[in-house]
Amino acid sequence: MLYLKLIIVFIFTLLSGLFITVKLRKSKLEQTIREDGPQSHFKKQGTPSMGGLIFLIPIVILSLFYLTQSIIPLIALAGYGIIGIYDDLDKRVSRASGGISVKKKLSLEIIMGLIIGIIAVMYMNNTNISLTNNISFNASWIVYVIFTAIFLIAVTNGVNLTDGLDGLATLTAIPLFLLFIAISIKQGNYQLAEFNAMIIFTLLGFLVFNLHPAKIFMGDTGSLALGALVAGMSILLNIELLLIIFGFIYVVESMSVLMQVVYFKSTGGKRLFKMAPLHHHYELLGWSEIKVVLIFTLISFVASLLAYIIYIVL
């Protein structure tokens, strides 16, 4: 029965993708390519953005069938997805790659993060911040809410930074949802495991349109929603601190940007990397886009496997 559900979800995502791609092309919702980016990216100018709707809509619909299991990931996905939609639409109006101001975007993310933190406290009746079932510390509800907001902002923006190559954000996320399936089963939550399996098949459906050469980009609509979904699932499974391991790609991508900025300012204009985030650095070293995506995806698989070993051992 599960196999049939997964096939239906995949086909529904494909049909949604066909419809949404056509609509976005007609509406001229196109990704603006950075002028300081790799030369190979200029040919992507004109590719539709906001493609995250292709997996966002099916996952929201799926969540309604698993509501008792998915309330936190659902609210996170929808909330940050809306922020992403707002940002992508603003990019179209302004015709710039920046979208809404950093201050406004961060303010919206903070508000949404605090709301989700409060809901998590009320829904889960648990304020433990955990690495595994046996390694955690109990925080006050205020500390937990603040931590949850920071956690959501960090993960969503980590995924946002990772979304710079065709299929990269999607492919590096799939191992994480495989990990969520394994941990859900370990916790005896088979409904949540099934829900995560369906999420994977929606992402596979999206990949049909997003693999190199991409016919559509997920945009902030997709990257913020996907990041929030990863964060929300981590909160629900109570493995927030373990994300440092299984979310290794997001950590490295984010740190590369931070290190680049700090080094640039402290050295009067010198660069630590050829370009940040890190995936662009390897592109400028001569790696093909496909090679970067494959290696980063492999690293994500290894990191997720390591995280699961840590989870069952500790």
Protein backbone atom coordinates (compact mmCIF):
# COMPACT_ATOMS: atom_id res chain seq x y z
CA MET A 1 0.00 0.00 0.00
CA LEU A 2 2.87 2.37 0.84
CA TYR A 3 4.44 1.77 -2.58
CA LEU A 4 1.20 2.82 -4.26
CA LYS A 5 1.05 5.99 -2.13
CA LEU A 6 4.63 6.87 -3.06
CA ILE A 7 3.94 6.38 -6.77
CA ILE A 8 0.81 8.55 -6.55
CA VAL A 9 2.74 11.27 -4.70
CA PHE A 10 5.52 11.19 -7.31
CA ILE A 11 3.07 11.41 -10.23
CA PHE A 12 1.10 14.21 -8.55
CA THR A 13 4.33 16.17 -8.03
CA LEU A 14 5.27 15.67 -11.69
CA LEU A 15 1.88 16.94 -12.86
CA SER A 16 2.12 19.89 -10.47
CA GLY A 17 5.58 20.60 -11.83
CA LEU A 18 4.41 20.66 -15.43
CA PHE A 19 1.57 23.05 -14.59
CA ILE A 20 3.61 25.33 -12.32
CA THR A 21 6.59 25.52 -14.71
CA VAL A 22 4.34 26.66 -17.58
CA LYS A 23 2.61 29.23 -15.37
CA LEU A 24 5.89 30.64 -14.04
CA ARG A 25 7.33 30.95 -17.55
CA LYS A 26 4.27 32.88 -18.69
CA SER A 27 4.39 35.17 -15.67
CA LYS A 28 8.10 35.95 -16.26
CA LEU A 29 9.05 34.97 -12.70
CA GLU A 30 12.70 34.48 -13.59
CA GLN A 31 15.83 34.07 -11.50
CA THR A 32 18.28 36.97 -11.68
CA ILE A 33 21.84 35.65 -11.99
CA ARG A 34 24.59 37.30 -9.92
CA GLU A 35 26.98 39.33 -12.08
CA ASP A 36 29.97 38.24 -9.95
CA GLY A 37 29.09 34.55 -10.29
CA PRO A 38 30.76 31.89 -12.46
CA GLN A 39 30.57 32.59 -16.20
CA SER A 40 28.81 29.26 -16.76
CA HIS A 41 25.81 30.55 -14.81
CA PHE A 42 24.99 33.39 -17.21
CA LYS A 43 23.28 30.98 -19.60
CA LYS A 44 20.79 30.25 -16.81
CA GLN A 45 19.40 33.78 -17.05
CA GLY A 46 15.68 33.56 -17.73
CA THR A 47 15.13 30.26 -15.92
CA PRO A 48 11.89 30.48 -13.90
CA SER A 49 12.18 30.76 -10.11
CA MET A 50 9.65 30.00 -7.32
CA GLY A 51 9.80 26.34 -8.39
CA GLY A 52 9.71 25.33 -4.75
CA LEU A 53 5.94 25.47 -5.13
CA ILE A 54 6.26 22.16 -7.00
CA PHE A 55 7.11 20.31 -3.78
CA LEU A 56 5.71 22.79 -1.26
CA ILE A 57 2.08 22.34 -2.34
CA PRO A 58 2.11 18.50 -2.36
CA ILE A 59 3.84 18.37 1.04
CA VAL A 60 1.30 20.77 2.57
CA ILE A 61 -1.51 18.57 1.21
CA LEU A 62 0.22 15.42 2.51
CA SER A 63 0.66 17.02 5.93
CA LEU A 64 -3.11 17.25 6.32
CA PHE A 65 -3.28 13.42 6.26
CA TYR A 66 -0.60 13.17 8.96
CA LEU A 67 -1.63 16.20 10.97
CA THR A 68 -0.96 14.73 14.43
CA GLN A 69 2.56 13.88 13.27
CA SER A 70 3.33 16.87 11.09
CA ILE A 71 1.91 19.98 12.75
CA ILE A 72 5.31 21.54 13.59
CA PRO A 73 6.99 20.77 10.22
CA LEU A 74 3.81 21.89 8.43
CA ILE A 75 3.68 25.28 10.16
CA ALA A 76 7.43 25.76 9.61
CA LEU A 77 7.19 24.78 5.94
CA ALA A 78 4.19 27.01 5.27
CA GLY A 79 5.43 29.96 7.32
CA TYR A 80 8.90 30.18 5.83
CA GLY A 81 7.53 29.23 2.42
CA ILE A 82 5.33 32.32 2.52
CA ILE A 83 8.36 34.46 3.41
CA GLY A 84 10.17 32.92 0.43
CA ILE A 85 7.24 33.62 -1.90
CA TYR A 86 7.19 37.24 -0.74
CA ASP A 87 10.94 37.52 -1.37
CA ASP A 88 10.75 35.92 -4.84
CA LEU A 89 7.84 38.14 -5.89
CA ASP A 90 9.73 41.21 -4.68
CA LYS A 91 12.71 40.18 -6.83
CA ARG A 92 10.45 40.19 -9.86
CA VAL A 93 9.14 43.66 -9.06
CA SER A 94 12.59 45.14 -8.35
CA ARG A 95 14.36 43.06 -11.06
CA ALA A 96 17.25 42.52 -8.66
CA SER A 97 18.67 39.35 -7.14
CA GLY A 98 18.43 40.73 -3.61
CA GLY A 99 14.65 40.67 -3.05
CA ILE A 100 13.32 42.18 0.16
CA SER A 101 15.79 43.92 2.47
CA VAL A 102 17.90 41.78 4.81
CA LYS A 103 16.41 43.61 7.80
CA LYS A 104 12.81 42.94 6.74
CA LYS A 105 13.52 39.33 5.81
CA LEU A 106 15.31 38.61 9.08
CA SER A 107 12.52 40.27 11.06
CA LEU A 108 9.93 38.04 9.40
CA GLU A 109 12.09 34.96 10.02
CA ILE A 110 12.52 35.86 13.70
CA ILE A 111 8.78 36.39 14.20
CA MET A 112 7.98 33.10 12.47
CA GLY A 113 10.68 31.29 14.46
CA LEU A 114 9.32 32.57 17.78
CA ILE A 115 5.77 31.56 16.81
CA ILE A 116 6.92 28.04 15.92
CA GLY A 117 8.93 27.85 19.15
CA ILE A 118 5.84 28.69 21.21
CA ILE A 119 3.74 26.18 19.27
CA ALA A 120 6.43 23.51 19.79
CA VAL A 121 6.38 24.07 23.56
CA MET A 122 2.58 23.84 23.66
CA TYR A 123 2.32 20.87 21.28
CA MET A 124 5.23 18.73 22.47
CA ASN A 125 5.10 19.70 26.15
CA ASN A 126 8.86 19.28 26.10
CA THR A 127 11.66 21.81 26.31
CA ASN A 128 14.60 19.43 25.95
CA ILE A 129 17.27 20.41 23.45
CA SER A 130 18.84 17.13 22.39
CA LEU A 131 21.65 15.42 20.55
CA THR A 132 20.16 11.95 21.11
CA ASN A 133 17.55 10.43 23.44
CA ASN A 134 20.19 10.08 26.15
CA ILE A 135 22.07 13.33 25.65
CA SER A 136 20.01 16.46 26.15
CA PHE A 137 19.51 19.35 28.49
CA ASN A 138 16.27 20.77 29.75
CA ALA A 139 15.82 24.47 29.05
CA SER A 140 13.24 26.89 30.37
CA TRP A 141 10.41 27.49 27.94
CA ILE A 142 11.75 30.98 27.15
CA VAL A 143 15.23 29.66 26.34
CA TYR A 144 13.69 26.86 24.26
CA VAL A 145 11.57 29.27 22.23
CA ILE A 146 14.56 31.54 21.55
CA PHE A 147 16.73 28.54 20.66
CA THR A 148 14.05 27.23 18.28
CA ALA A 149 13.84 30.59 16.51
CA ILE A 150 17.63 30.78 16.09
CA PHE A 151 17.72 27.13 14.98
CA LEU A 152 15.06 27.69 12.32
CA ILE A 153 16.75 30.83 11.00
CA ALA A 154 20.14 29.11 10.85
CA VAL A 155 18.87 26.02 9.03
CA THR A 156 16.62 27.84 6.57
CA ASN A 157 19.39 30.22 5.58
CA GLY A 158 21.88 27.34 5.41
CA VAL A 159 19.67 25.64 2.84
CA ASN A 160 19.15 28.98 1.09
CA LEU A 161 22.92 29.40 0.71
CA THR A 162 23.27 25.80 -0.51
CA ASP A 163 20.70 26.41 -3.26
CA GLY A 164 23.17 27.74 -5.82
CA LEU A 165 23.58 24.86 -8.28
CA ASP A 166 21.09 22.76 -10.22
CA GLY A 167 19.71 20.08 -7.91
CA LEU A 168 22.17 20.79 -5.08
CA ALA A 169 19.77 21.81 -2.29
CA THR A 170 17.35 19.02 -3.19
CA LEU A 171 19.88 16.19 -3.52
CA THR A 172 21.74 17.11 -0.32
CA ALA A 173 18.42 17.19 1.57
CA ILE A 174 17.26 13.70 0.56
CA PRO A 175 19.79 11.87 2.81
CA LEU A 176 18.46 13.92 5.74
CA PHE A 177 14.93 12.68 5.18
CA LEU A 178 16.26 9.12 4.93
CA LEU A 179 17.82 9.73 8.34
CA PHE A 180 14.50 11.05 9.65
CA ILE A 181 12.85 7.83 8.44
CA ALA A 182 15.43 5.71 10.28
CA ILE A 183 15.12 7.70 13.51
CA SER A 184 11.31 7.76 13.31
CA ILE A 185 11.33 3.95 13.05
CA LYS A 186 13.83 3.76 15.93
CA GLN A 187 11.42 5.87 18.00
CA GLY A 188 8.49 3.66 16.97
CA ASN A 189 6.80 6.44 15.02
CA TYR A 190 5.94 4.62 11.79
CA GLN A 191 3.45 7.26 10.62
CA LEU A 192 6.17 9.91 10.70
CA ALA A 193 8.51 7.55 8.85
CA GLU A 194 5.88 7.13 6.13
CA PHE A 195 5.39 10.90 5.91
CA ASN A 196 9.14 11.41 5.43
CA ALA A 197 9.18 8.77 2.69
CA MET A 198 6.49 10.72 0.87
CA ILE A 199 8.48 13.93 1.26
CA ILE A 200 11.41 12.22 -0.46
CA PHE A 201 9.20 11.26 -3.41
CA THR A 202 7.95 14.84 -3.77
CA LEU A 203 11.58 15.98 -3.88
CA LEU A 204 12.36 13.32 -6.48
CA GLY A 205 9.44 14.63 -8.52
CA PHE A 206 10.84 18.15 -8.25
CA LEU A 207 14.30 16.91 -9.30
CA VAL A 208 12.89 15.99 -12.71
CA PHE A 209 12.64 19.76 -13.32
CA ASN A 210 15.63 20.87 -11.24
CA LEU A 211 18.47 18.56 -12.27
CA HIS A 212 21.17 20.02 -14.53
CA PRO A 213 20.32 21.73 -16.79
CA ALA A 214 17.51 22.98 -14.58
CA LYS A 215 14.21 23.88 -16.18
CA ILE A 216 13.21 25.71 -13.00
CA PHE A 217 14.85 26.95 -9.77
CA MET A 218 13.28 26.43 -6.35
CA GLY A 219 13.97 30.07 -5.40
CA ASP A 220 13.63 31.34 -1.84
CA THR A 221 10.13 29.87 -1.94
CA GLY A 222 11.67 26.41 -2.01
CA SER A 223 14.93 26.87 -0.11
CA LEU A 224 13.37 28.57 2.92
CA ALA A 225 10.48 26.09 2.96
CA LEU A 226 12.83 23.10 2.61
CA GLY A 227 15.12 24.42 5.34
CA ALA A 228 12.16 24.99 7.65
CA LEU A 229 10.93 21.46 6.94
CA VAL A 230 14.33 20.01 7.88
CA ALA A 231 14.44 22.14 11.02
CA GLY A 232 10.83 21.34 11.94
CA MET A 233 11.41 17.61 11.56
CA SER A 234 14.56 17.86 13.69
CA ILE A 235 12.57 19.62 16.41
CA LEU A 236 9.79 17.03 16.24
CA LEU A 237 12.27 14.14 16.52
CA ASN A 238 14.16 16.02 19.24
CA ILE A 239 17.54 15.82 17.48
CA GLU A 240 18.27 19.51 17.05
CA LEU A 241 21.93 19.35 18.11
CA LEU A 242 22.56 16.32 15.89
CA LEU A 243 21.98 18.59 12.89
CA ILE A 244 25.56 19.80 13.29
CA ILE A 245 26.49 16.35 11.95
CA PHE A 246 23.77 15.45 9.42
CA GLY A 247 23.44 19.07 8.28
CA PHE A 248 27.19 19.28 7.69
CA ILE A 249 26.77 20.71 4.19
CA TYR A 250 24.62 23.57 5.52
CA VAL A 251 27.13 24.26 8.30
CA VAL A 252 30.07 24.37 5.88
CA GLU A 253 28.23 26.51 3.31
CA SER A 254 27.18 29.01 6.00
CA MET A 255 30.62 29.10 7.62
CA SER A 256 32.29 29.71 4.24
CA VAL A 257 30.19 32.85 3.78
CA LEU A 258 30.90 34.05 7.32
CA MET A 259 34.63 33.37 7.01
CA GLN A 260 34.76 35.10 3.62
CA VAL A 261 33.12 38.25 4.99
CA VAL A 262 35.30 38.38 8.13
CA TYR A 263 38.51 37.74 6.17
CA PHE A 264 37.57 40.26 3.48
CA LYS A 265 36.95 43.01 6.05
CA SER A 266 39.95 42.23 8.24
CA THR A 267 42.43 42.09 5.34
CA GLY A 268 41.19 45.13 3.46
CA GLY A 269 39.65 43.31 0.53
CA LYS A 270 41.43 39.95 0.24
CA ARG A 271 39.37 36.80 -0.29
CA LEU A 272 39.75 33.53 1.60
CA PHE A 273 37.78 31.64 -1.06
CA LYS A 274 37.50 32.42 -4.75
CA MET A 275 33.78 32.87 -4.09
CA ALA A 276 31.33 32.02 -1.32
CA PRO A 277 29.25 29.97 -0.63
CA LEU A 278 31.75 27.13 -0.89
CA HIS A 279 30.17 25.35 -3.89
CA HIS A 280 31.02 28.35 -6.08
CA HIS A 281 34.65 28.20 -4.88
CA TYR A 282 34.99 24.71 -6.34
CA GLU A 283 33.29 25.79 -9.56
CA LEU A 284 35.88 28.54 -9.98
CA LEU A 285 38.62 25.98 -9.31
CA GLY A 286 37.42 24.23 -12.45
CA TRP A 287 35.04 21.60 -11.10
CA SER A 288 31.97 21.01 -13.23
CA GLU A 289 28.60 21.83 -11.71
CA ILE A 290 27.61 18.16 -11.83
CA LYS A 291 30.82 17.10 -10.03
CA VAL A 292 30.23 19.59 -7.20
CA VAL A 293 26.63 18.44 -6.78
CA LEU A 294 27.55 14.74 -6.75
CA ILE A 295 30.38 15.15 -4.22
CA PHE A 296 28.31 17.38 -1.91
CA THR A 297 25.46 14.85 -2.10
CA LEU A 298 27.83 12.00 -1.22
CA ILE A 299 29.11 14.01 1.75
CA SER A 300 25.52 14.55 2.87
CA PHE A 301 24.88 10.77 2.72
CA VAL A 302 28.01 10.05 4.77
CA ALA A 303 27.15 12.76 7.31
CA SER A 304 23.61 11.39 7.69
CA LEU A 305 24.92 7.85 8.18
CA LEU A 306 27.39 9.09 10.78
CA ALA A 307 24.59 10.95 12.55
CA TYR A 308 22.49 7.78 12.72
CA ILE A 309 25.41 5.79 14.15
CA ILE A 310 25.90 8.47 16.80
CA TYR A 311 22.16 8.41 17.54
CA ILE A 312 21.95 4.65 18.11
CA VAL A 313 25.28 4.39 19.97
CA LEU A 314 24.79 7.33 22.30
